[in-house]
């Protein structure tokens, strides 16, 4: 159920509605916008008449929600959500570029990556310390030592840091070193992990699973939101189809679809979306043109010798060129980089 309060509703009237919802067995989630307050109610009686709330003082409207996701729906925050992290806003007028290597290999590599992405104008450096690899014999990451390297490189260049969390036990460690916690495609439906991230007070970037529908992505986001963590960023990173010319099929249409269905910011990951270096730039340009709030790009000073995913990783000159192109496209759709 959604309860929309009047613009001039008092704090006492808002609290009265929240108390009544809780008394009826609902979990109440308050969203205070610029104009008015919206209260999302999850759980409770399915047969409850919304008219009971429509007549309460300070209430403008009350209605039941038919979609399976209650807090991720755009009705909960019609104006959209801006996730603000250290002065960087996801969902605002600027498109946020996150870039860096697939995995952190050593101090020299991540420090060089920080210089490359910062000089080009990116706001966030990415780097994996724990790597979920398809083969158990592939490089699995440096763990906490890698996170320390990432944090030091990010701080030196005034960047935010994003890194992947793979299991519940890693959450405290990631919260210490990273500004944004990334949930990879393989963990999109790891509901125990998502529940725990709902208790964390760090922004979460949630990637779409390789065979997940858009509704399933939004339901996964609902697990985090229902725990009280509203700083969720969604990510399209390609899905598995029958096509074999690319590693995945990047669903560009998911970007405008999600932005219509949900208030959450939506970014694109063209590196994983296609898995081929020469296709990354075209798909990054397409993502920005389609309305993405950010892009996640893999960059390495020597991608041909990267420990992981070198085939989909840009070199510094390619990344510089892409940033110039993205600035033009962002301006054409009324945004900036």
Protein backbone atom coordinates (compact mmCIF):
# COMPACT_ATOMS: atom_id res chain seq x y z
CA UNK A 1 0.00 0.00 0.00
CA UNK A 2 1.08 3.58 -0.70
CA UNK A 3 -0.15 6.47 1.44
CA UNK A 4 0.48 9.89 -0.11
CA UNK A 5 0.38 12.72 2.40
CA UNK A 6 -0.84 16.24 1.63
CA UNK A 7 1.80 18.90 1.03
CA UNK A 8 0.95 20.64 4.28
CA UNK A 9 0.64 17.47 6.37
CA UNK A 10 2.11 17.89 9.84
CA UNK A 11 4.71 15.61 11.38
CA UNK A 12 2.09 14.43 13.86
CA UNK A 13 -0.29 13.46 11.06
CA UNK A 14 2.48 11.57 9.23
CA UNK A 15 3.47 9.73 12.40
CA UNK A 16 -0.18 8.88 13.08
CA UNK A 17 -0.43 7.14 9.71
CA UNK A 18 2.85 5.28 10.30
CA UNK A 19 1.68 4.14 13.74
CA UNK A 20 -1.60 2.86 12.35
CA UNK A 21 0.15 0.94 9.58
CA UNK A 22 2.49 -0.68 12.07
CA UNK A 23 -0.45 -1.51 14.31
CA UNK A 24 -2.07 -3.36 11.39
CA UNK A 25 1.05 -5.45 10.82
CA UNK A 26 2.71 -3.44 8.04
CA UNK A 27 6.35 -2.40 7.77
CA UNK A 28 6.24 1.32 7.04
CA UNK A 29 8.89 2.97 4.84
CA UNK A 30 8.83 6.76 4.71
CA UNK A 31 10.00 8.69 1.65
CA UNK A 32 10.12 12.45 2.06
CA UNK A 33 10.28 14.31 -1.24
CA UNK A 34 10.61 17.98 -2.05
CA UNK A 35 6.85 18.47 -2.17
CA UNK A 36 5.25 15.77 -0.06
CA UNK A 37 5.78 12.61 1.96
CA UNK A 38 4.95 9.14 0.68
CA UNK A 39 4.68 6.15 3.02
CA UNK A 40 5.19 2.69 1.56
CA UNK A 41 3.59 -0.14 3.55
CA UNK A 42 4.78 -3.72 3.04
CA UNK A 43 3.15 -6.83 4.50
CA UNK A 44 0.00 -6.62 6.62
CA UNK A 45 -3.47 -7.72 5.59
CA UNK A 46 -4.01 -8.25 1.88
CA UNK A 47 -7.73 -7.50 2.20
CA UNK A 48 -7.32 -4.16 3.99
CA UNK A 49 -9.48 -1.38 2.56
CA UNK A 50 -7.32 1.58 1.50
CA UNK A 51 -10.27 3.88 2.26
CA UNK A 52 -9.44 3.53 5.97
CA UNK A 53 -6.38 5.67 5.33
CA UNK A 54 -7.92 7.99 2.75
CA UNK A 55 -10.09 9.53 5.47
CA UNK A 56 -7.24 10.15 7.91
CA UNK A 57 -6.10 13.72 8.59
CA UNK A 58 -3.31 14.88 6.31
CA UNK A 59 -3.73 12.06 3.77
CA UNK A 60 -4.11 12.98 0.10
CA UNK A 61 -4.49 9.48 -1.29
CA UNK A 62 -4.04 5.82 -0.36
CA UNK A 63 -3.96 2.89 -2.75
CA UNK A 64 -2.89 -0.70 -2.91
CA UNK A 65 0.15 -1.60 -5.02
CA UNK A 66 -0.34 -4.38 -7.54
CA UNK A 67 3.31 -4.82 -8.57
CA UNK A 68 5.26 -7.46 -6.61
CA UNK A 69 7.95 -4.92 -5.72
CA UNK A 70 6.58 -2.26 -3.38
CA UNK A 71 9.56 -0.04 -2.55
CA UNK A 72 11.42 -0.24 -5.87
CA UNK A 73 8.39 1.00 -7.84
CA UNK A 74 8.49 4.56 -9.14
CA UNK A 75 5.20 5.23 -7.31
CA UNK A 76 7.16 5.15 -4.05
CA UNK A 77 9.35 8.06 -5.18
CA UNK A 78 7.81 9.58 -8.32
CA UNK A 79 10.56 12.16 -8.63
CA UNK A 80 13.28 9.50 -8.66
CA UNK A 81 16.05 8.71 -6.20
CA UNK A 82 19.44 10.37 -6.17
CA UNK A 83 22.08 8.23 -4.48
CA UNK A 84 24.70 10.64 -3.15
CA UNK A 85 28.13 9.23 -2.30
CA UNK A 86 30.91 11.55 -1.22
CA UNK A 87 29.63 14.40 -3.37
CA UNK A 88 28.96 12.19 -6.42
CA UNK A 89 25.29 11.83 -7.34
CA UNK A 90 23.81 8.86 -9.18
CA UNK A 91 20.48 9.82 -10.73
CA UNK A 92 21.24 13.53 -10.98
CA UNK A 93 22.07 15.62 -14.06
CA UNK A 94 25.61 14.23 -14.37
CA UNK A 95 26.39 10.81 -15.82
CA UNK A 96 28.85 9.09 -13.46
CA UNK A 97 31.74 7.21 -15.03
CA UNK A 98 33.23 4.35 -12.99
CA UNK A 99 36.38 2.83 -14.44
CA UNK A 100 39.36 0.70 -13.58
CA UNK A 101 40.70 -2.84 -13.87
CA UNK A 102 38.62 -5.99 -13.53
CA UNK A 103 40.86 -7.17 -10.69
CA UNK A 104 43.46 -5.51 -8.49
CA UNK A 105 46.81 -7.12 -9.31
CA UNK A 106 49.46 -5.08 -7.47
CA UNK A 107 50.17 -1.56 -6.18
CA UNK A 108 51.74 -0.28 -9.41
CA UNK A 109 48.79 -1.46 -11.53
CA UNK A 110 46.04 0.08 -9.39
CA UNK A 111 47.95 3.33 -8.88
CA UNK A 112 48.43 3.67 -12.64
CA UNK A 113 44.75 2.91 -13.16
CA UNK A 114 43.79 5.63 -10.69
CA UNK A 115 45.84 8.16 -12.65
CA UNK A 116 44.33 7.10 -15.97
CA UNK A 117 40.68 7.22 -14.86
CA UNK A 118 41.06 10.43 -12.81
CA UNK A 119 42.89 12.29 -15.59
CA UNK A 120 40.15 11.30 -18.04
CA UNK A 121 37.41 12.65 -15.75
CA UNK A 122 35.95 9.52 -14.13
CA UNK A 123 34.59 9.94 -10.59
CA UNK A 124 34.88 6.36 -9.29
CA UNK A 125 37.60 3.73 -9.58
CA UNK A 126 36.56 0.11 -9.79
CA UNK A 127 38.67 -2.91 -8.90
CA UNK A 128 37.89 -6.42 -7.76
CA UNK A 129 39.58 -7.84 -4.66
CA UNK A 130 37.36 -10.94 -4.58
CA UNK A 131 36.71 -12.38 -8.02
CA UNK A 132 33.90 -14.87 -8.73
CA UNK A 133 35.52 -16.75 -11.62
CA UNK A 134 33.89 -19.48 -13.68
CA UNK A 135 37.01 -21.61 -13.33
CA UNK A 136 38.47 -22.42 -9.88
CA UNK A 137 41.93 -22.22 -11.46
CA UNK A 138 41.58 -18.58 -12.57
CA UNK A 139 42.91 -15.63 -10.55
CA UNK A 140 40.60 -15.15 -7.56
CA UNK A 141 41.78 -11.73 -6.33
CA UNK A 142 44.06 -10.40 -3.57
CA UNK A 143 41.41 -10.08 -0.85
CA UNK A 144 41.91 -7.47 1.85
CA UNK A 145 45.39 -6.54 0.62
CA UNK A 146 43.84 -5.62 -2.71
CA UNK A 147 41.19 -3.51 -0.99
CA UNK A 148 43.90 -1.59 0.86
CA UNK A 149 45.62 -0.87 -2.45
CA UNK A 150 42.34 0.26 -4.00
CA UNK A 151 41.54 2.56 -1.09
CA UNK A 152 44.99 4.16 -1.14
CA UNK A 153 44.89 4.76 -4.89
CA UNK A 154 41.37 6.21 -4.74
CA UNK A 155 42.20 8.53 -1.86
CA UNK A 156 45.37 9.80 -3.54
CA UNK A 157 43.42 10.89 -6.66
CA UNK A 158 40.21 12.01 -4.90
CA UNK A 159 38.14 9.18 -6.34
CA UNK A 160 35.41 7.03 -4.86
CA UNK A 161 36.03 3.28 -4.81
CA UNK A 162 33.69 0.45 -5.80
CA UNK A 163 34.42 -3.25 -5.30
CA UNK A 164 32.44 -6.48 -5.33
CA UNK A 165 31.14 -8.26 -2.26
CA UNK A 166 30.57 -11.99 -2.68
CA UNK A 167 29.40 -13.21 0.71
CA UNK A 168 27.97 -11.96 4.00
CA UNK A 169 31.25 -12.32 5.90
CA UNK A 170 32.94 -9.85 3.53
CA UNK A 171 30.48 -6.99 4.14
CA UNK A 172 32.30 -5.37 7.13
CA UNK A 173 35.63 -5.50 5.28
CA UNK A 174 34.17 -3.99 2.10
CA UNK A 175 32.44 -1.27 4.12
CA UNK A 176 35.79 -0.29 5.59
CA UNK A 177 37.59 0.19 2.27
CA UNK A 178 34.97 0.78 -0.45
CA UNK A 179 32.47 3.61 -0.92
CA UNK A 180 30.08 1.48 -2.98
CA UNK A 181 29.50 -2.26 -2.64
CA UNK A 182 28.92 -4.12 -5.89
CA UNK A 183 26.75 -7.23 -6.12
CA UNK A 184 27.71 -9.18 -9.22
CA UNK A 185 25.42 -10.95 -11.66
CA UNK A 186 26.06 -14.34 -10.06
CA UNK A 187 24.82 -13.03 -6.68
CA UNK A 188 21.79 -11.05 -7.84
CA UNK A 189 19.52 -13.70 -6.33
CA UNK A 190 21.64 -14.45 -3.28
CA UNK A 191 18.81 -13.32 -1.02
CA UNK A 192 20.67 -13.87 2.25
CA UNK A 193 23.43 -11.56 1.05
CA UNK A 194 20.89 -8.98 -0.16
CA UNK A 195 19.09 -9.01 3.20
CA UNK A 196 22.34 -8.28 5.02
CA UNK A 197 23.19 -5.48 2.60
CA UNK A 198 19.79 -4.00 3.47
CA UNK A 199 21.12 -3.56 7.01
CA UNK A 200 24.35 -1.93 5.81
CA UNK A 201 24.53 1.80 5.37
CA UNK A 202 26.65 1.79 2.26
CA UNK A 203 25.37 2.31 -1.29
CA UNK A 204 24.93 -0.93 -3.25
CA UNK A 205 25.31 -1.36 -7.00
CA UNK A 206 23.18 -4.36 -7.98
CA UNK A 207 23.93 -6.04 -11.31
CA UNK A 208 21.30 -7.85 -13.33
CA UNK A 209 21.78 -11.62 -13.43
CA UNK A 210 22.75 -13.29 -16.69
CA UNK A 211 19.29 -14.87 -17.07
CA UNK A 212 17.21 -12.47 -14.98
CA UNK A 213 14.14 -10.57 -16.10
CA UNK A 214 13.74 -6.91 -15.26
CA UNK A 215 11.08 -7.81 -12.70
CA UNK A 216 13.49 -10.23 -11.01
CA UNK A 217 16.13 -7.49 -10.86
CA UNK A 218 13.67 -5.13 -9.18
CA UNK A 219 12.58 -7.84 -6.74
CA UNK A 220 16.22 -8.38 -5.79
CA UNK A 221 16.54 -4.65 -5.17
CA UNK A 222 13.43 -4.93 -3.00
CA UNK A 223 15.33 -7.19 -0.59
CA UNK A 224 17.88 -4.43 0.02
CA UNK A 225 15.30 -1.65 0.19
CA UNK A 226 13.08 -3.56 2.61
CA UNK A 227 16.01 -3.71 5.04
CA UNK A 228 16.13 0.08 5.17
CA UNK A 229 19.00 0.72 2.74
CA UNK A 230 17.54 2.97 0.04
CA UNK A 231 20.89 3.74 -1.64
CA UNK A 232 20.60 1.16 -4.40
CA UNK A 233 21.93 1.58 -7.94
CA UNK A 234 20.82 -0.89 -10.60
CA UNK A 235 23.09 -2.09 -13.41
CA UNK A 236 22.47 -3.66 -16.81
CA UNK A 237 25.50 -5.81 -17.67
CA UNK A 238 24.23 -8.06 -20.44
CA UNK A 239 22.15 -11.22 -20.39
CA UNK A 240 22.77 -14.67 -21.85
CA UNK A 241 20.95 -15.31 -25.12
CA UNK A 242 21.43 -17.61 -28.11
CA UNK A 243 23.80 -15.08 -29.72
CA UNK A 244 27.47 -16.15 -29.76
CA UNK A 245 29.22 -13.21 -31.41
CA UNK A 246 29.45 -11.40 -28.07
CA UNK A 247 30.06 -12.66 -24.55
CA UNK A 248 26.59 -11.46 -23.49
CA UNK A 249 23.76 -9.54 -25.11
CA UNK A 250 23.61 -6.07 -23.58
CA UNK A 251 19.96 -5.12 -23.16
CA UNK A 252 20.05 -1.38 -23.78
CA UNK A 253 16.25 -1.27 -23.69
CA UNK A 254 16.38 -2.29 -20.02
CA UNK A 255 17.70 1.18 -19.15
CA UNK A 256 14.61 3.22 -20.18
CA UNK A 257 12.29 0.41 -19.08
CA UNK A 258 13.73 0.31 -15.55
CA UNK A 259 13.75 4.09 -15.29
CA UNK A 260 10.02 4.10 -16.05
CA UNK A 261 9.20 1.28 -13.64
CA UNK A 262 11.51 2.27 -10.78
CA UNK A 263 12.79 5.36 -9.01
CA UNK A 264 16.26 3.84 -8.60
CA UNK A 265 19.26 5.06 -10.64
CA UNK A 266 20.27 2.78 -13.51
CA UNK A 267 23.76 2.37 -14.97
CA UNK A 268 25.24 0.28 -17.77
CA UNK A 269 28.26 -2.03 -17.84
CA UNK A 270 29.24 -2.41 -21.50
CA UNK A 271 32.50 -4.21 -20.69
CA UNK A 272 30.65 -7.28 -19.41
CA UNK A 273 27.73 -6.50 -21.68
CA UNK A 274 29.62 -7.52 -24.82
CA UNK A 275 32.98 -8.84 -23.59
CA UNK A 276 34.90 -7.50 -26.59
CA UNK A 277 37.15 -4.44 -26.40
CA UNK A 278 36.15 -2.94 -29.75
CA UNK A 279 32.43 -3.18 -28.87
CA UNK A 280 32.68 -1.53 -25.44
CA UNK A 281 32.76 2.09 -26.65
CA UNK A 282 29.70 1.80 -28.96
CA UNK A 283 27.65 0.20 -26.18
CA UNK A 284 28.80 2.80 -23.63
CA UNK A 285 27.70 5.54 -26.00
CA UNK A 286 24.36 3.78 -26.50
CA UNK A 287 23.84 3.43 -22.74
CA UNK A 288 24.30 7.16 -22.14
CA UNK A 289 22.02 7.99 -25.07
CA UNK A 290 19.37 5.65 -23.62
CA UNK A 291 19.35 7.52 -20.30
CA UNK A 292 21.84 5.64 -18.12
CA UNK A 293 22.86 7.47 -14.95
CA UNK A 294 26.36 6.07 -15.22
CA UNK A 295 28.64 3.59 -16.95
CA UNK A 296 31.06 1.01 -15.56
CA UNK A 297 34.13 0.54 -17.78
CA UNK A 298 37.11 -1.80 -17.41
CA UNK A 299 40.43 -0.03 -18.00
CA UNK A 300 44.00 -1.34 -17.64
CA UNK A 301 47.38 0.16 -18.56
CA UNK A 302 48.26 -3.11 -20.37
CA UNK A 303 45.01 -5.01 -21.00
CA UNK A 304 46.64 -7.72 -23.12
CA UNK A 305 48.49 -8.88 -19.99
CA UNK A 306 45.69 -8.31 -17.45
CA UNK A 307 45.10 -11.10 -14.94
CA UNK A 308 41.39 -11.24 -15.85
CA UNK A 309 39.00 -10.06 -18.60
CA UNK A 310 41.69 -8.46 -20.74
CA UNK A 311 39.68 -9.01 -23.93
CA UNK A 312 36.97 -6.60 -22.77
CA UNK A 313 39.28 -4.02 -21.18
CA UNK A 314 40.19 -0.65 -22.73
CA UNK A 315 43.70 0.76 -22.75
CA UNK A 316 44.29 4.35 -21.52
CA UNK A 317 44.11 6.01 -24.95
CA UNK A 318 40.88 4.20 -25.82
CA UNK A 319 39.36 5.27 -22.52
CA UNK A 320 40.39 8.90 -23.05
CA UNK A 321 38.77 8.87 -26.48
CA UNK A 322 35.60 7.29 -25.11
CA UNK A 323 35.31 9.94 -22.39
CA UNK A 324 35.43 12.67 -25.05
CA UNK A 325 32.66 10.93 -26.98
CA UNK A 326 30.52 10.43 -23.89
CA UNK A 327 30.70 14.14 -23.06
CA UNK A 328 29.23 14.97 -26.46
CA UNK A 329 26.45 12.40 -26.15
CA UNK A 330 25.61 13.43 -22.59
CA UNK A 331 25.29 17.05 -23.69
CA UNK A 332 22.99 16.00 -26.57
CA UNK A 333 20.56 14.43 -24.09
CA UNK A 334 20.69 17.33 -21.62
CA UNK A 335 23.26 15.93 -19.22
CA UNK A 336 26.98 16.18 -18.51
CA UNK A 337 29.87 13.93 -17.50
